[in-house]
């Protein structure tokens, strides 16, 4: 029997640190549909996996230029 750990969630502060973005830009990406937040009551969090995928996509875009 394999035990999977639950997905890790990042709060806004962790997400801005991980992406090196300011909060304003983070919310612009949300409005553009590039990042999808999860609302837990009044708290906004992000899937660590999705944030990592977004970062990888940005790196891939840079390599294509």
PDB file of N, CA and C in Angstrom:
ATOM      1  N   UNK A   1       0.845  -1.178   0.000  1.00  0.00           N
ATOM      2  CA  UNK A   1       0.000   0.000   0.000  1.00  0.00           C
ATOM      3  C   UNK A   1       0.890   1.241   0.000  1.00  0.00           C
ATOM      4  N   UNK A   2       0.671   2.118  -0.973  1.00  0.00           N
ATOM      5  CA  UNK A   2       1.462   3.348  -1.035  1.00  0.00           C
ATOM      6  C   UNK A   2       0.665   4.496  -0.443  1.00  0.00           C
ATOM      7  N   UNK A   3       1.370   5.329   0.284  1.00  0.00           N
ATOM      8  CA  UNK A   3       0.733   6.485   0.910  1.00  0.00           C
ATOM      9  C   UNK A   3       1.207   7.742   0.208  1.00  0.00           C
ATOM     10  N   UNK A   4       0.280   8.464  -0.379  1.00  0.00           N
ATOM     11  CA  UNK A   4       0.626   9.718  -1.031  1.00  0.00           C
ATOM     12  C   UNK A   4       0.416  10.860  -0.052  1.00  0.00           C
ATOM     13  N   UNK A   5       1.389  11.734   0.004  1.00  0.00           N
ATOM     14  CA  UNK A   5       1.212  12.904   0.864  1.00  0.00           C
ATOM     15  C   UNK A   5       0.313  13.893   0.132  1.00  0.00           C
ATOM     16  N   UNK A   6      -0.437  14.686   0.880  1.00  0.00           N
ATOM     17  CA  UNK A   6      -1.348  15.646   0.240  1.00  0.00           C
ATOM     18  C   UNK A   6      -0.564  16.712  -0.514  1.00  0.00           C
ATOM     19  N   UNK A   7      -1.181  17.300  -1.535  1.00  0.00           N
ATOM     20  CA  UNK A   7      -0.492  18.359  -2.274  1.00  0.00           C
ATOM     21  C   UNK A   7      -0.114  19.504  -1.333  1.00  0.00           C
ATOM     22  N   UNK A   8       1.061  20.063  -1.552  1.00  0.00           N
ATOM     23  CA  UNK A   8       1.510  21.187  -0.730  1.00  0.00           C
ATOM     24  C   UNK A   8       0.937  22.467  -1.295  1.00  0.00           C
ATOM     25  N   UNK A   9       0.456  23.317  -0.396  1.00  0.00           N
ATOM     26  CA  UNK A   9      -0.113  24.599  -0.789  1.00  0.00           C
ATOM     27  C   UNK A   9       0.803  25.723  -0.338  1.00  0.00           C
ATOM     28  N   UNK A  10       0.939  26.739  -1.187  1.00  0.00           N
ATOM     29  CA  UNK A  10       1.761  27.898  -0.887  1.00  0.00           C
ATOM     30  C   UNK A  10       0.870  29.109  -0.685  1.00  0.00           C
ATOM     31  N   UNK A  11       1.128  29.878   0.362  1.00  0.00           N
ATOM     32  CA  UNK A  11       0.363  31.115   0.533  1.00  0.00           C
ATOM     33  C   UNK A  11       0.935  32.177  -0.409  1.00  0.00           C
ATOM     34  N   UNK A  12       0.326  33.351  -0.423  1.00  0.00           N
ATOM     35  CA  UNK A  12       0.747  34.416  -1.337  1.00  0.00           C
ATOM     36  C   UNK A  12       2.208  34.781  -1.104  1.00  0.00           C
ATOM     37  N   UNK A  13       2.613  34.887   0.134  1.00  0.00           N
ATOM     38  CA  UNK A  13       3.995  35.247   0.454  1.00  0.00           C
ATOM     39  C   UNK A  13       4.978  34.209  -0.079  1.00  0.00           C
ATOM     40  N   UNK A  14       4.674  32.937   0.141  1.00  0.00           N
ATOM     41  CA  UNK A  14       5.549  31.867  -0.360  1.00  0.00           C
ATOM     42  C   UNK A  14       5.591  31.867  -1.885  1.00  0.00           C
ATOM     43  N   UNK A  15       4.448  32.149  -2.495  1.00  0.00           N
ATOM     44  CA  UNK A  15       4.381  32.150  -3.957  1.00  0.00           C
ATOM     45  C   UNK A  15       5.182  33.305  -4.537  1.00  0.00           C
ATOM     46  N   UNK A  16       5.081  34.490  -3.932  1.00  0.00           N
ATOM     47  CA  UNK A  16       5.870  35.621  -4.430  1.00  0.00           C
ATOM     48  C   UNK A  16       7.358  35.366  -4.216  1.00  0.00           C
ATOM     49  N   UNK A  17       7.721  34.737  -3.118  1.00  0.00           N
ATOM     50  CA  UNK A  17       9.131  34.395  -2.895  1.00  0.00           C
ATOM     51  C   UNK A  17       9.618  33.372  -3.914  1.00  0.00           C
ATOM     52  N   UNK A  18       8.807  32.367  -4.166  1.00  0.00           N
ATOM     53  CA  UNK A  18       9.195  31.295  -5.086  1.00  0.00           C
ATOM     54  C   UNK A  18       9.344  31.814  -6.514  1.00  0.00           C
ATOM     55  N   UNK A  19       8.460  32.738  -6.911  1.00  0.00           N
ATOM     56  CA  UNK A  19       8.456  33.225  -8.298  1.00  0.00           C
ATOM     57  C   UNK A  19       9.253  34.514  -8.479  1.00  0.00           C
ATOM     58  N   UNK A  20       9.640  35.152  -7.386  1.00  0.00           N
ATOM     59  CA  UNK A  20      10.321  36.450  -7.416  1.00  0.00           C
ATOM     60  C   UNK A  20       9.441  37.556  -8.002  1.00  0.00           C
ATOM     61  N   UNK A  21       8.134  37.380  -7.872  1.00  0.00           N
ATOM     62  CA  UNK A  21       7.188  38.387  -8.346  1.00  0.00           C
ATOM     63  C   UNK A  21       6.656  39.207  -7.180  1.00  0.00           C
ATOM     64  N   UNK A  22       6.239  40.422  -7.481  1.00  0.00           N
ATOM     65  CA  UNK A  22       5.541  41.230  -6.480  1.00  0.00           C
ATOM     66  C   UNK A  22       4.078  40.801  -6.472  1.00  0.00           C
ATOM     67  N   UNK A  23       3.394  41.140  -5.380  1.00  0.00           N
ATOM     68  CA  UNK A  23       1.981  40.757  -5.243  1.00  0.00           C
ATOM     69  C   UNK A  23       1.139  41.279  -6.404  1.00  0.00           C
ATOM     70  N   UNK A  24       1.404  42.516  -6.827  1.00  0.00           N
ATOM     71  CA  UNK A  24       0.631  43.113  -7.915  1.00  0.00           C
ATOM     72  C   UNK A  24       0.728  42.267  -9.179  1.00  0.00           C
ATOM     73  N   UNK A  25       1.933  41.851  -9.530  1.00  0.00           N
ATOM     74  CA  UNK A  25       2.132  41.036 -10.724  1.00  0.00           C
ATOM     75  C   UNK A  25       1.485  39.663 -10.554  1.00  0.00           C
ATOM     76  N   UNK A  26       1.557  39.115  -9.354  1.00  0.00           N
ATOM     77  CA  UNK A  26       0.923  37.828  -9.069  1.00  0.00           C
ATOM     78  C   UNK A  26      -0.580  37.916  -9.352  1.00  0.00           C
ATOM     79  N   UNK A  27      -1.218  38.985  -8.882  1.00  0.00           N
ATOM     80  CA  UNK A  27      -2.651  39.147  -9.113  1.00  0.00           C
ATOM     81  C   UNK A  27      -2.964  39.419 -10.585  1.00  0.00           C
ATOM     82  N   UNK A  28      -2.046  40.050 -11.310  1.00  0.00           N
ATOM     83  CA  UNK A  28      -2.223  40.213 -12.756  1.00  0.00           C
ATOM     84  C   UNK A  28      -2.223  38.851 -13.444  1.00  0.00           C
ATOM     85  N   UNK A  29      -1.331  37.974 -13.016  1.00  0.00           N
ATOM     86  CA  UNK A  29      -1.278  36.625 -13.592  1.00  0.00           C
ATOM     87  C   UNK A  29      -2.543  35.837 -13.266  1.00  0.00           C
ATOM     88  N   UNK A  30      -3.083  36.039 -12.082  1.00  0.00           N
ATOM     89  CA  UNK A  30      -4.346  35.392 -11.712  1.00  0.00           C
ATOM     90  C   UNK A  30      -5.453  35.883 -12.634  1.00  0.00           C
ATOM     91  N   UNK A  31      -5.542  37.202 -12.815  1.00  0.00           N
ATOM     92  CA  UNK A  31      -6.588  37.773 -13.680  1.00  0.00           C
ATOM     93  C   UNK A  31      -6.436  37.330 -15.125  1.00  0.00           C
ATOM     94  N   UNK A  32      -5.210  37.082 -15.557  1.00  0.00           N
ATOM     95  CA  UNK A  32      -4.955  36.619 -16.925  1.00  0.00           C
ATOM     96  C   UNK A  32      -5.173  35.112 -17.063  1.00  0.00           C
ATOM     97  N   UNK A  33      -5.397  34.417 -15.948  1.00  0.00           N
ATOM     98  CA  UNK A  33      -5.622  32.977 -15.985  1.00  0.00           C
ATOM     99  C   UNK A  33      -4.348  32.154 -16.024  1.00  0.00           C
ATOM    100  N   UNK A  34      -3.193  32.784 -15.822  1.00  0.00           N
ATOM    101  CA  UNK A  34      -1.930  32.044 -15.855  1.00  0.00           C
ATOM    102  C   UNK A  34      -1.672  31.274 -14.569  1.00  0.00           C
ATOM    103  N   UNK A  35      -2.110  31.811 -13.456  1.00  0.00           N
ATOM    104  CA  UNK A  35      -2.018  31.118 -12.163  1.00  0.00           C
ATOM    105  C   UNK A  35      -3.421  31.025 -11.582  1.00  0.00           C
ATOM    106  N   UNK A  36      -3.707  29.874 -10.985  1.00  0.00           N
ATOM    107  CA  UNK A  36      -5.054  29.654 -10.441  1.00  0.00           C
ATOM    108  C   UNK A  36      -4.989  29.509  -8.924  1.00  0.00           C
ATOM    109  N   UNK A  37      -5.534  30.484  -8.222  1.00  0.00           N
ATOM    110  CA  UNK A  37      -5.517  30.417  -6.765  1.00  0.00           C
ATOM    111  C   UNK A  37      -6.587  29.460  -6.240  1.00  0.00           C
ATOM    112  N   UNK A  38      -6.402  29.056  -5.012  1.00  0.00           N
ATOM    113  CA  UNK A  38      -7.382  28.249  -4.291  1.00  0.00           C
ATOM    114  C   UNK A  38      -7.797  29.097  -3.098  1.00  0.00           C
ATOM    115  N   UNK A  39      -9.097  29.315  -2.934  1.00  0.00           N
ATOM    116  CA  UNK A  39      -9.578  30.095  -1.801  1.00  0.00           C
ATOM    117  C   UNK A  39      -9.951  29.145  -0.670  1.00  0.00           C
ATOM    118  N   UNK A  40      -9.345  29.353   0.488  1.00  0.00           N
ATOM    119  CA  UNK A  40      -9.675  28.606   1.695  1.00  0.00           C
ATOM    120  C   UNK A  40     -10.214  29.627   2.688  1.00  0.00           C
ATOM    121  N   UNK A  41     -11.519  29.812   2.642  1.00  0.00           N
ATOM    122  CA  UNK A  41     -12.101  30.885   3.445  1.00  0.00           C
ATOM    123  C   UNK A  41     -11.619  32.217   2.894  1.00  0.00           C
ATOM    124  N   UNK A  42     -10.958  33.004   3.736  1.00  0.00           N
ATOM    125  CA  UNK A  42     -10.429  34.301   3.306  1.00  0.00           C
ATOM    126  C   UNK A  42      -8.984  34.205   2.821  1.00  0.00           C
ATOM    127  N   UNK A  43      -8.393  33.041   2.945  1.00  0.00           N
ATOM    128  CA  UNK A  43      -6.986  32.855   2.586  1.00  0.00           C
ATOM    129  C   UNK A  43      -6.861  32.395   1.130  1.00  0.00           C
ATOM    130  N   UNK A  44      -5.885  32.950   0.448  1.00  0.00           N
ATOM    131  CA  UNK A  44      -5.582  32.565  -0.930  1.00  0.00           C
ATOM    132  C   UNK A  44      -4.296  31.753  -0.924  1.00  0.00           C
ATOM    133  N   UNK A  45      -4.356  30.579  -1.521  1.00  0.00           N
ATOM    134  CA  UNK A  45      -3.181  29.712  -1.618  1.00  0.00           C
ATOM    135  C   UNK A  45      -3.064  29.202  -3.051  1.00  0.00           C
ATOM    136  N   UNK A  46      -1.914  28.607  -3.346  1.00  0.00           N
ATOM    137  CA  UNK A  46      -1.635  28.076  -4.673  1.00  0.00           C
ATOM    138  C   UNK A  46      -1.065  26.677  -4.529  1.00  0.00           C
ATOM    139  N   UNK A  47      -1.353  25.845  -5.509  1.00  0.00           N
ATOM    140  CA  UNK A  47      -0.769  24.508  -5.551  1.00  0.00           C
ATOM    141  C   UNK A  47       0.722  24.651  -5.844  1.00  0.00           C
ATOM    142  N   UNK A  48       1.562  24.065  -5.009  1.00  0.00           N
ATOM    143  CA  UNK A  48       2.997  24.124  -5.232  1.00  0.00           C
ATOM    144  C   UNK A  48       3.338  23.526  -6.599  1.00  0.00           C
ATOM    145  N   UNK A  49       2.680  22.444  -6.957  1.00  0.00           N
ATOM    146  CA  UNK A  49       2.929  21.787  -8.242  1.00  0.00           C
ATOM    147  C   UNK A  49       2.620  22.737  -9.403  1.00  0.00           C
ATOM    148  N   UNK A  50       1.495  23.461  -9.326  1.00  0.00           N
ATOM    149  CA  UNK A  50       1.133  24.385 -10.399  1.00  0.00           C
ATOM    150  C   UNK A  50       2.098  25.562 -10.474  1.00  0.00           C
ATOM    151  N   UNK A  51       2.554  26.058  -9.318  1.00  0.00           N
ATOM    152  CA  UNK A  51       3.523  27.155  -9.305  1.00  0.00           C
ATOM    153  C   UNK A  51       4.831  26.674  -9.937  1.00  0.00           C
ATOM    154  N   UNK A  52       5.264  25.482  -9.570  1.00  0.00           N
ATOM    155  CA  UNK A  52       6.494  24.937 -10.155  1.00  0.00           C
ATOM    156  C   UNK A  52       6.354  24.751 -11.665  1.00  0.00           C
ATOM    157  N   UNK A  53       5.180  24.300 -12.120  1.00  0.00           N
ATOM    158  CA  UNK A  53       4.941  24.141 -13.549  1.00  0.00           C
ATOM    159  C   UNK A  53       4.982  25.495 -14.257  1.00  0.00           C
ATOM    160  N   UNK A  54       4.415  26.530 -13.622  1.00  0.00           N
ATOM    161  CA  UNK A  54       4.430  27.869 -14.206  1.00  0.00           C
ATOM    162  C   UNK A  54       5.882  28.348 -14.365  1.00  0.00           C
ATOM    163  N   UNK A  55       6.692  28.122 -13.337  1.00  0.00           N
ATOM    164  CA  UNK A  55       8.103  28.516 -13.391  1.00  0.00           C
ATOM    165  C   UNK A  55       8.805  27.780 -14.533  1.00  0.00           C
ATOM    166  N   UNK A  56       8.582  26.477 -14.649  1.00  0.00           N
ATOM    167  CA  UNK A  56       9.202  25.689 -15.719  1.00  0.00           C
ATOM    168  C   UNK A  56       8.773  26.204 -17.095  1.00  0.00           C
ATOM    169  N   UNK A  57       7.519  26.600 -17.225  1.00  0.00           N
ATOM    170  CA  UNK A  57       7.022  27.152 -18.486  1.00  0.00           C
ATOM    171  C   UNK A  57       7.742  28.447 -18.827  1.00  0.00           C
ATOM    172  N   UNK A  58       7.973  29.292 -17.824  1.00  0.00           N
ATOM    173  CA  UNK A  58       8.686  30.545 -18.064  1.00  0.00           C
ATOM    174  C   UNK A  58      10.113  30.286 -18.517  1.00  0.00           C
ATOM    175  N   UNK A  59      10.743  29.289 -17.927  1.00  0.00           N
ATOM    176  CA  UNK A  59      12.108  28.918 -18.335  1.00  0.00           C
ATOM    177  C   UNK A  59      12.103  28.401 -19.767  1.00  0.00           C
ATOM    178  N   UNK A  60      11.123  27.560 -20.097  1.00  0.00           N
ATOM    179  CA  UNK A  60      11.028  27.006 -21.451  1.00  0.00           C
ATOM    180  C   UNK A  60      10.801  28.114 -22.476  1.00  0.00           C
ATOM    181  N   UNK A  61       9.954  29.095 -22.155  1.00  0.00           N
ATOM    182  CA  UNK A  61       9.701  30.220 -23.065  1.00  0.00           C
ATOM    183  C   UNK A  61      10.989  30.986 -23.322  1.00  0.00           C
ATOM    184  N   UNK A  62      11.779  31.169 -22.301  1.00  0.00           N
ATOM    185  CA  UNK A  62      13.041  31.905 -22.438  1.00  0.00           C
ATOM    186  C   UNK A  62      13.974  31.171 -23.389  1.00  0.00           C
ATOM    187  N   UNK A  63      13.973  29.857 -23.304  1.00  0.00           N
ATOM    188  CA  UNK A  63      14.877  29.050 -24.127  1.00  0.00           C
ATOM    189  C   UNK A  63      14.455  29.052 -25.591  1.00  0.00           C
ATOM    190  N   UNK A  64      13.180  29.329 -25.863  1.00  0.00           N
ATOM    191  CA  UNK A  64      12.679  29.313 -27.233  1.00  0.00           C
ATOM    192  C   UNK A  64      12.962  30.615 -27.968  1.00  0.00           C
ATOM    193  N   UNK A  65      13.325  31.650 -27.265  1.00  0.00           N
ATOM    194  CA  UNK A  65      13.565  32.961 -27.896  1.00  0.00           C
ATOM    195  C   UNK A  65      14.887  33.010 -28.592  1.00  0.00           C
TER     196      UNK A  65
END
